[in-house]
Amino acid sequence: MTWYRQTSPTAQAARATRIRRGAVIAFVMFLPLLCATKLMALATDSGGRCLVYGGCPPFPWEAFLWVCGAAAAAFAAAVAAPFRFRSAARGAQVGLQLLAASIVLARP
């Protein structure tokens, strides 16, 4: 007698496929998300002035590239890691991609 409920291998494979598909969709939609957030930042009053007249504060490239690299590593983990880590890796991937989008949104 077992004290926990075992899932069937087909149910586990189906869940792994859903996690992998969600990670791939989030990865593919990352570039359009960044483009949309940049357009939203430039649509503000300060973003328009920055675009027309210049004098914008420098963009934090180091932080942005670190977050993008961590999101890519989380994507690789969501696709290739053992099953028990995939769901957490996909959540980390989506969270890091949203953090990168907020960095772009904060700076016009």
PDB file of N, CA and C in Angstrom:
ATOM      1  N   MET A   1       0.839  -1.184   0.000  1.00  0.00           N
ATOM      2  CA  MET A   1       0.000   0.000   0.000  1.00  0.00           C
ATOM      3  C   MET A   1       0.886   1.249   0.000  1.00  0.00           C
ATOM      4  N   THR A   2       0.585   2.170  -0.872  1.00  0.00           N
ATOM      5  CA  THR A   2       1.366   3.395  -0.949  1.00  0.00           C
ATOM      6  C   THR A   2       0.619   4.526  -0.258  1.00  0.00           C
ATOM      7  N   TRP A   3       1.374   5.450   0.251  1.00  0.00           N
ATOM      8  CA  TRP A   3       0.793   6.587   0.964  1.00  0.00           C
ATOM      9  C   TRP A   3       0.626   7.804   0.064  1.00  0.00           C
ATOM     10  N   TYR A   4       1.040   7.716  -1.136  1.00  0.00           N
ATOM     11  CA  TYR A   4       0.882   8.811  -2.076  1.00  0.00           C
ATOM     12  C   TYR A   4       0.290   8.260  -3.367  1.00  0.00           C
ATOM     13  N   ARG A   5      -0.298   9.151  -4.088  1.00  0.00           N
ATOM     14  CA  ARG A   5      -0.954   8.758  -5.336  1.00  0.00           C
ATOM     15  C   ARG A   5       0.057   8.813  -6.470  1.00  0.00           C
ATOM     16  N   GLN A   6       0.237   7.717  -7.127  1.00  0.00           N
ATOM     17  CA  GLN A   6       1.160   7.679  -8.237  1.00  0.00           C
ATOM     18  C   GLN A   6       0.421   8.056  -9.517  1.00  0.00           C
ATOM     19  N   THR A   7       1.089   8.841 -10.336  1.00  0.00           N
ATOM     20  CA  THR A   7       0.488   9.202 -11.620  1.00  0.00           C
ATOM     21  C   THR A   7       0.970   8.223 -12.673  1.00  0.00           C
ATOM     22  N   SER A   8       0.157   8.030 -13.649  1.00  0.00           N
ATOM     23  CA  SER A   8       0.532   7.116 -14.715  1.00  0.00           C
ATOM     24  C   SER A   8       1.598   7.763 -15.597  1.00  0.00           C
ATOM     25  N   PRO A   9       2.394   6.948 -16.256  1.00  0.00           N
ATOM     26  CA  PRO A   9       3.445   7.525 -17.126  1.00  0.00           C
ATOM     27  C   PRO A   9       2.876   8.376 -18.262  1.00  0.00           C
ATOM     28  N   THR A  10       1.711   8.037 -18.761  1.00  0.00           N
ATOM     29  CA  THR A  10       1.143   8.847 -19.840  1.00  0.00           C
ATOM     30  C   THR A  10       0.684  10.198 -19.332  1.00  0.00           C
ATOM     31  N   ALA A  11       0.129  10.246 -18.110  1.00  0.00           N
ATOM     32  CA  ALA A  11      -0.281  11.531 -17.550  1.00  0.00           C
ATOM     33  C   ALA A  11       0.931  12.406 -17.273  1.00  0.00           C
ATOM     34  N   GLN A  12       2.003  11.805 -16.796  1.00  0.00           N
ATOM     35  CA  GLN A  12       3.219  12.556 -16.535  1.00  0.00           C
ATOM     36  C   GLN A  12       3.840  13.054 -17.847  1.00  0.00           C
ATOM     37  N   ALA A  13       3.807  12.245 -18.872  1.00  0.00           N
ATOM     38  CA  ALA A  13       4.339  12.665 -20.175  1.00  0.00           C
ATOM     39  C   ALA A  13       3.489  13.789 -20.762  1.00  0.00           C
ATOM     40  N   ALA A  14       2.183  13.717 -20.584  1.00  0.00           N
ATOM     41  CA  ALA A  14       1.311  14.783 -21.085  1.00  0.00           C
ATOM     42  C   ALA A  14       1.581  16.091 -20.344  1.00  0.00           C
ATOM     43  N   ARG A  15       1.802  16.005 -19.031  1.00  0.00           N
ATOM     44  CA  ARG A  15       2.093  17.218 -18.255  1.00  0.00           C
ATOM     45  C   ARG A  15       3.448  17.797 -18.670  1.00  0.00           C
ATOM     46  N   ALA A  16       4.426  16.931 -18.897  1.00  0.00           N
ATOM     47  CA  ALA A  16       5.743  17.399 -19.346  1.00  0.00           C
ATOM     48  C   ALA A  16       5.640  18.078 -20.708  1.00  0.00           C
ATOM     49  N   THR A  17       4.805  17.554 -21.577  1.00  0.00           N
ATOM     50  CA  THR A  17       4.615  18.168 -22.890  1.00  0.00           C
ATOM     51  C   THR A  17       3.961  19.536 -22.761  1.00  0.00           C
ATOM     52  N   ARG A  18       2.972  19.663 -21.865  1.00  0.00           N
ATOM     53  CA  ARG A  18       2.329  20.970 -21.654  1.00  0.00           C
ATOM     54  C   ARG A  18       3.324  21.987 -21.094  1.00  0.00           C
ATOM     55  N   ILE A  19       4.152  21.558 -20.165  1.00  0.00           N
ATOM     56  CA  ILE A  19       5.148  22.473 -19.597  1.00  0.00           C
ATOM     57  C   ILE A  19       6.131  22.912 -20.677  1.00  0.00           C
ATOM     58  N   ARG A  20       6.601  21.965 -21.473  1.00  0.00           N
ATOM     59  CA  ARG A  20       7.551  22.277 -22.539  1.00  0.00           C
ATOM     60  C   ARG A  20       6.916  23.206 -23.573  1.00  0.00           C
ATOM     61  N   ARG A  21       5.673  22.940 -23.942  1.00  0.00           N
ATOM     62  CA  ARG A  21       4.995  23.792 -24.923  1.00  0.00           C
ATOM     63  C   ARG A  21       4.818  25.208 -24.386  1.00  0.00           C
ATOM     64  N   GLY A  22       4.452  25.334 -23.121  1.00  0.00           N
ATOM     65  CA  GLY A  22       4.314  26.661 -22.522  1.00  0.00           C
ATOM     66  C   GLY A  22       5.627  27.418 -22.475  1.00  0.00           C
ATOM     67  N   ALA A  23       6.723  26.713 -22.195  1.00  0.00           N
ATOM     68  CA  ALA A  23       8.033  27.365 -22.172  1.00  0.00           C
ATOM     69  C   ALA A  23       8.433  27.841 -23.564  1.00  0.00           C
ATOM     70  N   VAL A  24       8.152  27.043 -24.580  1.00  0.00           N
ATOM     71  CA  VAL A  24       8.500  27.436 -25.955  1.00  0.00           C
ATOM     72  C   VAL A  24       7.657  28.632 -26.399  1.00  0.00           C
ATOM     73  N   ILE A  25       6.379  28.620 -26.061  1.00  0.00           N
ATOM     74  CA  ILE A  25       5.517  29.752 -26.427  1.00  0.00           C
ATOM     75  C   ILE A  25       5.990  31.023 -25.742  1.00  0.00           C
ATOM     76  N   ALA A  26       6.342  30.945 -24.463  1.00  0.00           N
ATOM     77  CA  ALA A  26       6.838  32.123 -23.748  1.00  0.00           C
ATOM     78  C   ALA A  26       8.156  32.611 -24.347  1.00  0.00           C
ATOM     79  N   PHE A  27       9.010  31.681 -24.770  1.00  0.00           N
ATOM     80  CA  PHE A  27      10.289  32.053 -25.367  1.00  0.00           C
ATOM     81  C   PHE A  27      10.089  32.739 -26.717  1.00  0.00           C
ATOM     82  N   VAL A  28       9.169  32.226 -27.515  1.00  0.00           N
ATOM     83  CA  VAL A  28       8.917  32.807 -28.838  1.00  0.00           C
ATOM     84  C   VAL A  28       8.271  34.191 -28.713  1.00  0.00           C
ATOM     85  N   MET A  29       7.433  34.368 -27.715  1.00  0.00           N
ATOM     86  CA  MET A  29       6.730  35.640 -27.552  1.00  0.00           C
ATOM     87  C   MET A  29       7.558  36.689 -26.806  1.00  0.00           C
ATOM     88  N   PHE A  30       8.783  36.363 -26.436  1.00  0.00           N
ATOM     89  CA  PHE A  30       9.606  37.295 -25.669  1.00  0.00           C
ATOM     90  C   PHE A  30      10.013  38.518 -26.486  1.00  0.00           C
ATOM     91  N   LEU A  31      10.441  38.341 -27.710  1.00  0.00           N
ATOM     92  CA  LEU A  31      10.843  39.472 -28.541  1.00  0.00           C
ATOM     93  C   LEU A  31       9.668  40.404 -28.868  1.00  0.00           C
ATOM     94  N   PRO A  32       8.484  39.886 -29.250  1.00  0.00           N
ATOM     95  CA  PRO A  32       7.353  40.805 -29.429  1.00  0.00           C
ATOM     96  C   PRO A  32       6.962  41.542 -28.146  1.00  0.00           C
ATOM     97  N   LEU A  33       7.134  40.876 -27.001  1.00  0.00           N
ATOM     98  CA  LEU A  33       6.853  41.534 -25.727  1.00  0.00           C
ATOM     99  C   LEU A  33       7.802  42.702 -25.507  1.00  0.00           C
ATOM    100  N   LEU A  34       9.086  42.495 -25.805  1.00  0.00           N
ATOM    101  CA  LEU A  34      10.053  43.579 -25.647  1.00  0.00           C
ATOM    102  C   LEU A  34       9.766  44.734 -26.606  1.00  0.00           C
ATOM    103  N   CYS A  35       9.384  44.423 -27.842  1.00  0.00           N
ATOM    104  CA  CYS A  35       9.044  45.477 -28.813  1.00  0.00           C
ATOM    105  C   CYS A  35       7.822  46.267 -28.363  1.00  0.00           C
ATOM    106  N   ALA A  36       6.824  45.570 -27.848  1.00  0.00           N
ATOM    107  CA  ALA A  36       5.611  46.254 -27.384  1.00  0.00           C
ATOM    108  C   ALA A  36       5.900  47.142 -26.179  1.00  0.00           C
ATOM    109  N   THR A  37       6.725  46.670 -25.254  1.00  0.00           N
ATOM    110  CA  THR A  37       7.031  47.498 -24.089  1.00  0.00           C
ATOM    111  C   THR A  37       7.878  48.711 -24.485  1.00  0.00           C
ATOM    112  N   LYS A  38       8.754  48.561 -25.465  1.00  0.00           N
ATOM    113  CA  LYS A  38       9.538  49.710 -25.922  1.00  0.00           C
ATOM    114  C   LYS A  38       8.639  50.749 -26.582  1.00  0.00           C
ATOM    115  N   LEU A  39       7.677  50.283 -27.376  1.00  0.00           N
ATOM    116  CA  LEU A  39       6.724  51.223 -27.983  1.00  0.00           C
ATOM    117  C   LEU A  39       5.875  51.912 -26.919  1.00  0.00           C
ATOM    118  N   MET A  40       5.483  51.173 -25.889  1.00  0.00           N
ATOM    119  CA  MET A  40       4.715  51.798 -24.812  1.00  0.00           C
ATOM    120  C   MET A  40       5.545  52.830 -24.066  1.00  0.00           C
ATOM    121  N   ALA A  41       6.834  52.542 -23.865  1.00  0.00           N
ATOM    122  CA  ALA A  41       7.697  53.506 -23.187  1.00  0.00           C
ATOM    123  C   ALA A  41       7.898  54.755 -24.034  1.00  0.00           C
ATOM    124  N   LEU A  42       8.020  54.581 -25.345  1.00  0.00           N
ATOM    125  CA  LEU A  42       8.197  55.742 -26.219  1.00  0.00           C
ATOM    126  C   LEU A  42       6.905  56.517 -26.431  1.00  0.00           C
ATOM    127  N   ALA A  43       5.766  55.923 -26.134  1.00  0.00           N
ATOM    128  CA  ALA A  43       4.487  56.613 -26.303  1.00  0.00           C
ATOM    129  C   ALA A  43       4.189  57.582 -25.159  1.00  0.00           C
ATOM    130  N   THR A  44       4.955  57.521 -24.091  1.00  0.00           N
ATOM    131  CA  THR A  44       4.733  58.448 -22.983  1.00  0.00           C
ATOM    132  C   THR A  44       5.297  59.819 -23.340  1.00  0.00           C
ATOM    133  N   ASP A  45       4.988  60.805 -22.523  1.00  0.00           N
ATOM    134  CA  ASP A  45       5.455  62.162 -22.766  1.00  0.00           C
ATOM    135  C   ASP A  45       6.976  62.251 -22.669  1.00  0.00           C
ATOM    136  N   SER A  46       7.535  61.662 -21.615  1.00  0.00           N
ATOM    137  CA  SER A  46       8.992  61.715 -21.461  1.00  0.00           C
ATOM    138  C   SER A  46       9.689  60.857 -22.523  1.00  0.00           C
ATOM    139  N   GLY A  47       9.071  59.767 -22.933  1.00  0.00           N
ATOM    140  CA  GLY A  47       9.648  58.941 -23.989  1.00  0.00           C
ATOM    141  C   GLY A  47       9.663  59.646 -25.323  1.00  0.00           C
ATOM    142  N   GLY A  48       8.595  60.399 -25.617  1.00  0.00           N
ATOM    143  CA  GLY A  48       8.553  61.169 -26.859  1.00  0.00           C
ATOM    144  C   GLY A  48       9.585  62.271 -26.876  1.00  0.00           C
ATOM    145  N   ARG A  49       9.734  62.973 -25.732  1.00  0.00           N
ATOM    146  CA  ARG A  49      10.764  64.019 -25.648  1.00  0.00           C
ATOM    147  C   ARG A  49      12.155  63.423 -25.803  1.00  0.00           C
ATOM    148  N   CYS A  50      12.351  62.262 -25.193  1.00  0.00           N
ATOM    149  CA  CYS A  50      13.654  61.596 -25.285  1.00  0.00           C
ATOM    150  C   CYS A  50      13.949  61.205 -26.728  1.00  0.00           C
ATOM    151  N   LEU A  51      12.944  60.729 -27.437  1.00  0.00           N
ATOM    152  CA  LEU A  51      13.129  60.312 -28.824  1.00  0.00           C
ATOM    153  C   LEU A  51      13.408  61.500 -29.734  1.00  0.00           C
ATOM    154  N   VAL A  52      12.694  62.614 -29.523  1.00  0.00           N
ATOM    155  CA  VAL A  52      12.822  63.768 -30.418  1.00  0.00           C
ATOM    156  C   VAL A  52      14.048  64.609 -30.083  1.00  0.00           C
ATOM    157  N   TYR A  53      14.244  64.920 -28.795  1.00  0.00           N
ATOM    158  CA  TYR A  53      15.293  65.851 -28.411  1.00  0.00           C
ATOM    159  C   TYR A  53      16.566  65.196 -27.888  1.00  0.00           C
ATOM    160  N   GLY A  54      16.515  63.929 -27.573  1.00  0.00           N
ATOM    161  CA  GLY A  54      17.689  63.252 -27.015  1.00  0.00           C
ATOM    162  C   GLY A  54      17.827  63.533 -25.530  1.00  0.00           C
ATOM    163  N   GLY A  55      18.975  63.238 -25.002  1.00  0.00           N
ATOM    164  CA  GLY A  55      19.228  63.490 -23.590  1.00  0.00           C
ATOM    165  C   GLY A  55      18.610  62.443 -22.679  1.00  0.00           C
ATOM    166  N   CYS A  56      18.440  61.241 -23.200  1.00  0.00           N
ATOM    167  CA  CYS A  56      17.842  60.162 -22.401  1.00  0.00           C
ATOM    168  C   CYS A  56      18.858  59.624 -21.407  1.00  0.00           C
ATOM    169  N   PRO A  57      18.386  59.142 -20.270  1.00  0.00           N
ATOM    170  CA  PRO A  57      19.314  58.466 -19.355  1.00  0.00           C
ATOM    171  C   PRO A  57      19.795  57.165 -19.989  1.00  0.00           C
ATOM    172  N   PRO A  58      20.988  56.729 -19.669  1.00  0.00           N
ATOM    173  CA  PRO A  58      21.517  55.514 -20.298  1.00  0.00           C
ATOM    174  C   PRO A  58      20.714  54.276 -19.896  1.00  0.00           C
ATOM    175  N   PHE A  59      20.612  53.362 -20.841  1.00  0.00           N
ATOM    176  CA  PHE A  59      19.877  52.120 -20.601  1.00  0.00           C
ATOM    177  C   PHE A  59      20.757  51.169 -19.789  1.00  0.00           C
ATOM    178  N   PRO A  60      20.209  50.479 -18.786  1.00  0.00           N
ATOM    179  CA  PRO A  60      21.010  49.556 -17.965  1.00  0.00           C
ATOM    180  C   PRO A  60      21.247  48.227 -18.687  1.00  0.00           C
ATOM    181  N   TRP A  61      22.192  48.218 -19.620  1.00  0.00           N
ATOM    182  CA  TRP A  61      22.428  47.035 -20.447  1.00  0.00           C
ATOM    183  C   TRP A  61      22.909  45.840 -19.640  1.00  0.00           C
ATOM    184  N   GLU A  62      23.737  46.075 -18.634  1.00  0.00           N
ATOM    185  CA  GLU A  62      24.266  44.946 -17.860  1.00  0.00           C
ATOM    186  C   GLU A  62      23.144  44.185 -17.166  1.00  0.00           C
ATOM    187  N   ALA A  63      22.281  44.907 -16.489  1.00  0.00           N
ATOM    188  CA  ALA A  63      21.177  44.253 -15.784  1.00  0.00           C
ATOM    189  C   ALA A  63      20.239  43.561 -16.765  1.00  0.00           C
ATOM    190  N   PHE A  64      19.961  44.222 -17.878  1.00  0.00           N
ATOM    191  CA  PHE A  64      19.068  43.647 -18.885  1.00  0.00           C
ATOM    192  C   PHE A  64      19.645  42.362 -19.474  1.00  0.00           C
ATOM    193  N   LEU A  65      20.927  42.361 -19.802  1.00  0.00           N
ATOM    194  CA  LEU A  65      21.541  41.170 -20.387  1.00  0.00           C
ATOM    195  C   LEU A  65      21.645  40.028 -19.379  1.00  0.00           C
ATOM    196  N   TRP A  66      21.885  40.342 -18.105  1.00  0.00           N
ATOM    197  CA  TRP A  66      21.907  39.300 -17.080  1.00  0.00           C
ATOM    198  C   TRP A  66      20.542  38.662 -16.928  1.00  0.00           C
ATOM    199  N   VAL A  67      19.496  39.481 -16.930  1.00  0.00           N
ATOM    200  CA  VAL A  67      18.136  38.943 -16.796  1.00  0.00           C
ATOM    201  C   VAL A  67      17.769  38.115 -18.023  1.00  0.00           C
ATOM    202  N   CYS A  68      18.137  38.584 -19.213  1.00  0.00           N
ATOM    203  CA  CYS A  68      17.851  37.811 -20.429  1.00  0.00           C
ATOM    204  C   CYS A  68      18.620  36.497 -20.444  1.00  0.00           C
ATOM    205  N   GLY A  69      19.865  36.510 -19.988  1.00  0.00           N
ATOM    206  CA  GLY A  69      20.639  35.278 -19.903  1.00  0.00           C
ATOM    207  C   GLY A  69      20.052  34.297 -18.905  1.00  0.00           C
ATOM    208  N   ALA A  70      19.586  34.808 -17.782  1.00  0.00           N
ATOM    209  CA  ALA A  70      18.950  33.933 -16.789  1.00  0.00           C
ATOM    210  C   ALA A  70      17.637  33.371 -17.319  1.00  0.00           C
ATOM    211  N   ALA A  71      16.905  34.172 -18.089  1.00  0.00           N
ATOM    212  CA  ALA A  71      15.664  33.676 -18.695  1.00  0.00           C
ATOM    213  C   ALA A  71      15.960  32.597 -19.729  1.00  0.00           C
ATOM    214  N   ALA A  72      17.039  32.752 -20.491  1.00  0.00           N
ATOM    215  CA  ALA A  72      17.412  31.723 -21.462  1.00  0.00           C
ATOM    216  C   ALA A  72      17.844  30.438 -20.758  1.00  0.00           C
ATOM    217  N   ALA A  73      18.549  30.572 -19.645  1.00  0.00           N
ATOM    218  CA  ALA A  73      18.940  29.384 -18.876  1.00  0.00           C
ATOM    219  C   ALA A  73      17.718  28.695 -18.285  1.00  0.00           C
ATOM    220  N   ALA A  74      16.748  29.472 -17.813  1.00  0.00           N
ATOM    221  CA  ALA A  74      15.514  28.879 -17.287  1.00  0.00           C
ATOM    222  C   ALA A  74      14.728  28.195 -18.402  1.00  0.00           C
ATOM    223  N   PHE A  75      14.762  28.759 -19.606  1.00  0.00           N
ATOM    224  CA  PHE A  75      14.107  28.103 -20.738  1.00  0.00           C
ATOM    225  C   PHE A  75      14.770  26.768 -21.042  1.00  0.00           C
ATOM    226  N   ALA A  76      16.089  26.743 -21.043  1.00  0.00           N
ATOM    227  CA  ALA A  76      16.791  25.486 -21.295  1.00  0.00           C
ATOM    228  C   ALA A  76      16.475  24.459 -20.216  1.00  0.00           C
ATOM    229  N   ALA A  77      16.351  24.910 -18.980  1.00  0.00           N
ATOM    230  CA  ALA A  77      15.995  23.990 -17.900  1.00  0.00           C
ATOM    231  C   ALA A  77      14.559  23.507 -18.036  1.00  0.00           C
ATOM    232  N   ALA A  78      13.668  24.367 -18.485  1.00  0.00           N
ATOM    233  CA  ALA A  78      12.266  23.967 -18.644  1.00  0.00           C
ATOM    234  C   ALA A  78      12.093  22.959 -19.763  1.00  0.00           C
ATOM    235  N   VAL A  79      12.974  22.993 -20.735  1.00  0.00           N
ATOM    236  CA  VAL A  79      12.876  22.064 -21.854  1.00  0.00           C
ATOM    237  C   VAL A  79      13.617  20.763 -21.580  1.00  0.00           C
ATOM    238  N   ALA A  80      14.770  20.828 -20.925  1.00  0.00           N
ATOM    239  CA  ALA A  80      15.633  19.660 -20.842  1.00  0.00           C
ATOM    240  C   ALA A  80      15.855  19.113 -19.432  1.00  0.00           C
ATOM    241  N   ALA A  81      15.408  19.790 -18.407  1.00  0.00           N
ATOM    242  CA  ALA A  81      15.673  19.338 -17.036  1.00  0.00           C
ATOM    243  C   ALA A  81      14.805  18.137 -16.686  1.00  0.00           C
ATOM    244  N   PRO A  82      15.138  17.448 -15.606  1.00  0.00           N
ATOM    245  CA  PRO A  82      14.257  16.377 -15.144  1.00  0.00           C
ATOM    246  C   PRO A  82      12.858  16.908 -14.845  1.00  0.00           C
ATOM    247  N   PHE A  83      11.901  16.007 -14.865  1.00  0.00           N
ATOM    248  CA  PHE A  83      10.500  16.396 -14.793  1.00  0.00           C
ATOM    249  C   PHE A  83      10.174  17.240 -13.566  1.00  0.00           C
ATOM    250  N   ARG A  84      10.740  16.919 -12.423  1.00  0.00           N
ATOM    251  CA  ARG A  84      10.346  17.617 -11.191  1.00  0.00           C
ATOM    252  C   ARG A  84      10.791  19.073 -11.169  1.00  0.00           C
ATOM    253  N   PHE A  85      11.755  19.461 -12.014  1.00  0.00           N
ATOM    254  CA  PHE A  85      12.236  20.834 -12.036  1.00  0.00           C
ATOM    255  C   PHE A  85      11.617  21.663 -13.149  1.00  0.00           C
ATOM    256  N   ARG A  86      10.900  21.051 -14.072  1.00  0.00           N
ATOM    257  CA  ARG A  86      10.425  21.771 -15.259  1.00  0.00           C
ATOM    258  C   ARG A  86       9.411  22.858 -14.941  1.00  0.00           C
ATOM    259  N   SER A  87       8.488  22.557 -14.073  1.00  0.00           N
ATOM    260  CA  SER A  87       7.450  23.540 -13.772  1.00  0.00           C
ATOM    261  C   SER A  87       8.048  24.787 -13.101  1.00  0.00           C
ATOM    262  N   ALA A  88       8.963  24.579 -12.169  1.00  0.00           N
ATOM    263  CA  ALA A  88       9.614  25.714 -11.515  1.00  0.00           C
ATOM    264  C   ALA A  88      10.472  26.496 -12.498  1.00  0.00           C
ATOM    265  N   ALA A  89      11.130  25.798 -13.408  1.00  0.00           N
ATOM    266  CA  ALA A  89      11.959  26.480 -14.406  1.00  0.00           C
ATOM    267  C   ALA A  89      11.100  27.314 -15.350  1.00  0.00           C
ATOM    268  N   ARG A  90       9.936  26.798 -15.730  1.00  0.00           N
ATOM    269  CA  ARG A  90       9.059  27.577 -16.605  1.00  0.00           C
ATOM    270  C   ARG A  90       8.544  28.810 -15.878  1.00  0.00           C
ATOM    271  N   GLY A  91       8.200  28.674 -14.611  1.00  0.00           N
ATOM    272  CA  GLY A  91       7.767  29.840 -13.835  1.00  0.00           C
ATOM    273  C   GLY A  91       8.871  30.872 -13.696  1.00  0.00           C
ATOM    274  N   ALA A  92      10.097  30.411 -13.476  1.00  0.00           N
ATOM    275  CA  ALA A  92      11.222  31.336 -13.396  1.00  0.00           C
ATOM    276  C   ALA A  92      11.459  32.016 -14.736  1.00  0.00           C
ATOM    277  N   GLN A  93      11.305  31.273 -15.815  1.00  0.00           N
ATOM    278  CA  GLN A  93      11.492  31.839 -17.153  1.00  0.00           C
ATOM    279  C   GLN A  93      10.496  32.960 -17.399  1.00  0.00           C
ATOM    280  N   VAL A  94       9.239  32.712 -17.128  1.00  0.00           N
ATOM    281  CA  VAL A  94       8.210  33.733 -17.359  1.00  0.00           C
ATOM    282  C   VAL A  94       8.437  34.942 -16.450  1.00  0.00           C
ATOM    283  N   GLY A  95       8.789  34.697 -15.215  1.00  0.00           N
ATOM    284  CA  GLY A  95       9.057  35.802 -14.292  1.00  0.00           C
ATOM    285  C   GLY A  95      10.243  36.646 -14.728  1.00  0.00           C
ATOM    286  N   LEU A  96      11.296  36.010 -15.175  1.00  0.00           N
ATOM    287  CA  LEU A  96      12.472  36.752 -15.640  1.00  0.00           C
ATOM    288  C   LEU A  96      12.185  37.510 -16.932  1.00  0.00           C
ATOM    289  N   GLN A  97      11.368  36.945 -17.799  1.00  0.00           N
ATOM    290  CA  GLN A  97      11.014  37.667 -19.018  1.00  0.00           C
ATOM    291  C   GLN A  97      10.169  38.896 -18.692  1.00  0.00           C
ATOM    292  N   LEU A  98       9.278  38.776 -17.725  1.00  0.00           N
ATOM    293  CA  LEU A  98       8.498  39.948 -17.314  1.00  0.00           C
ATOM    294  C   LEU A  98       9.383  40.993 -16.643  1.00  0.00           C
ATOM    295  N   LEU A  99      10.401  40.552 -15.903  1.00  0.00           N
ATOM    296  CA  LEU A  99      11.350  41.491 -15.304  1.00  0.00           C
ATOM    297  C   LEU A  99      12.129  42.225 -16.384  1.00  0.00           C
ATOM    298  N   ALA A 100      12.547  41.524 -17.424  1.00  0.00           N
ATOM    299  CA  ALA A 100      13.251  42.178 -18.531  1.00  0.00           C
ATOM    300  C   ALA A 100      12.347  43.188 -19.237  1.00  0.00           C
ATOM    301  N   ALA A 101      11.075  42.832 -19.408  1.00  0.00           N
ATOM    302  CA  ALA A 101      10.141  43.774 -20.025  1.00  0.00           C
ATOM    303  C   ALA A 101       9.924  44.995 -19.148  1.00  0.00           C
ATOM    304  N   SER A 102       9.922  44.830 -17.838  1.00  0.00           N
ATOM    305  CA  SER A 102       9.751  45.986 -16.972  1.00  0.00           C
ATOM    306  C   SER A 102      10.997  46.871 -16.973  1.00  0.00           C
ATOM    307  N   ILE A 103      12.172  46.276 -17.180  1.00  0.00           N
ATOM    308  CA  ILE A 103      13.382  47.097 -17.317  1.00  0.00           C
ATOM    309  C   ILE A 103      13.289  47.951 -18.571  1.00  0.00           C
ATOM    310  N   VAL A 104      12.815  47.357 -19.654  1.00  0.00           N
ATOM    311  CA  VAL A 104      12.650  48.131 -20.905  1.00  0.00           C
ATOM    312  C   VAL A 104      11.579  49.191 -20.733  1.00  0.00           C
ATOM    313  N   LEU A 105      10.520  48.870 -20.037  1.00  0.00           N
ATOM    314  CA  LEU A 105       9.420  49.822 -19.849  1.00  0.00           C
ATOM    315  C   LEU A 105       9.833  50.987 -18.958  1.00  0.00           C
ATOM    316  N   ALA A 106      10.747  50.751 -18.030  1.00  0.00           N
ATOM    317  CA  ALA A 106      11.154  51.811 -17.112  1.00  0.00           C
ATOM    318  C   ALA A 106      12.041  52.852 -17.767  1.00  0.00           C
ATOM    319  N   ARG A 107      12.759  52.473 -18.807  1.00  0.00           N
ATOM    320  CA  ARG A 107      13.678  53.412 -19.472  1.00  0.00           C
ATOM    321  C   ARG A 107      13.213  53.687 -20.895  1.00  0.00           C
ATOM    322  N   PRO A 108      12.893  54.942 -21.220  1.00  0.00           N
ATOM    323  CA  PRO A 108      12.471  55.244 -22.601  1.00  0.00           C
ATOM    324  C   PRO A 108      13.603  55.204 -23.585  1.00  0.00           C
TER     325      PRO A 108
END
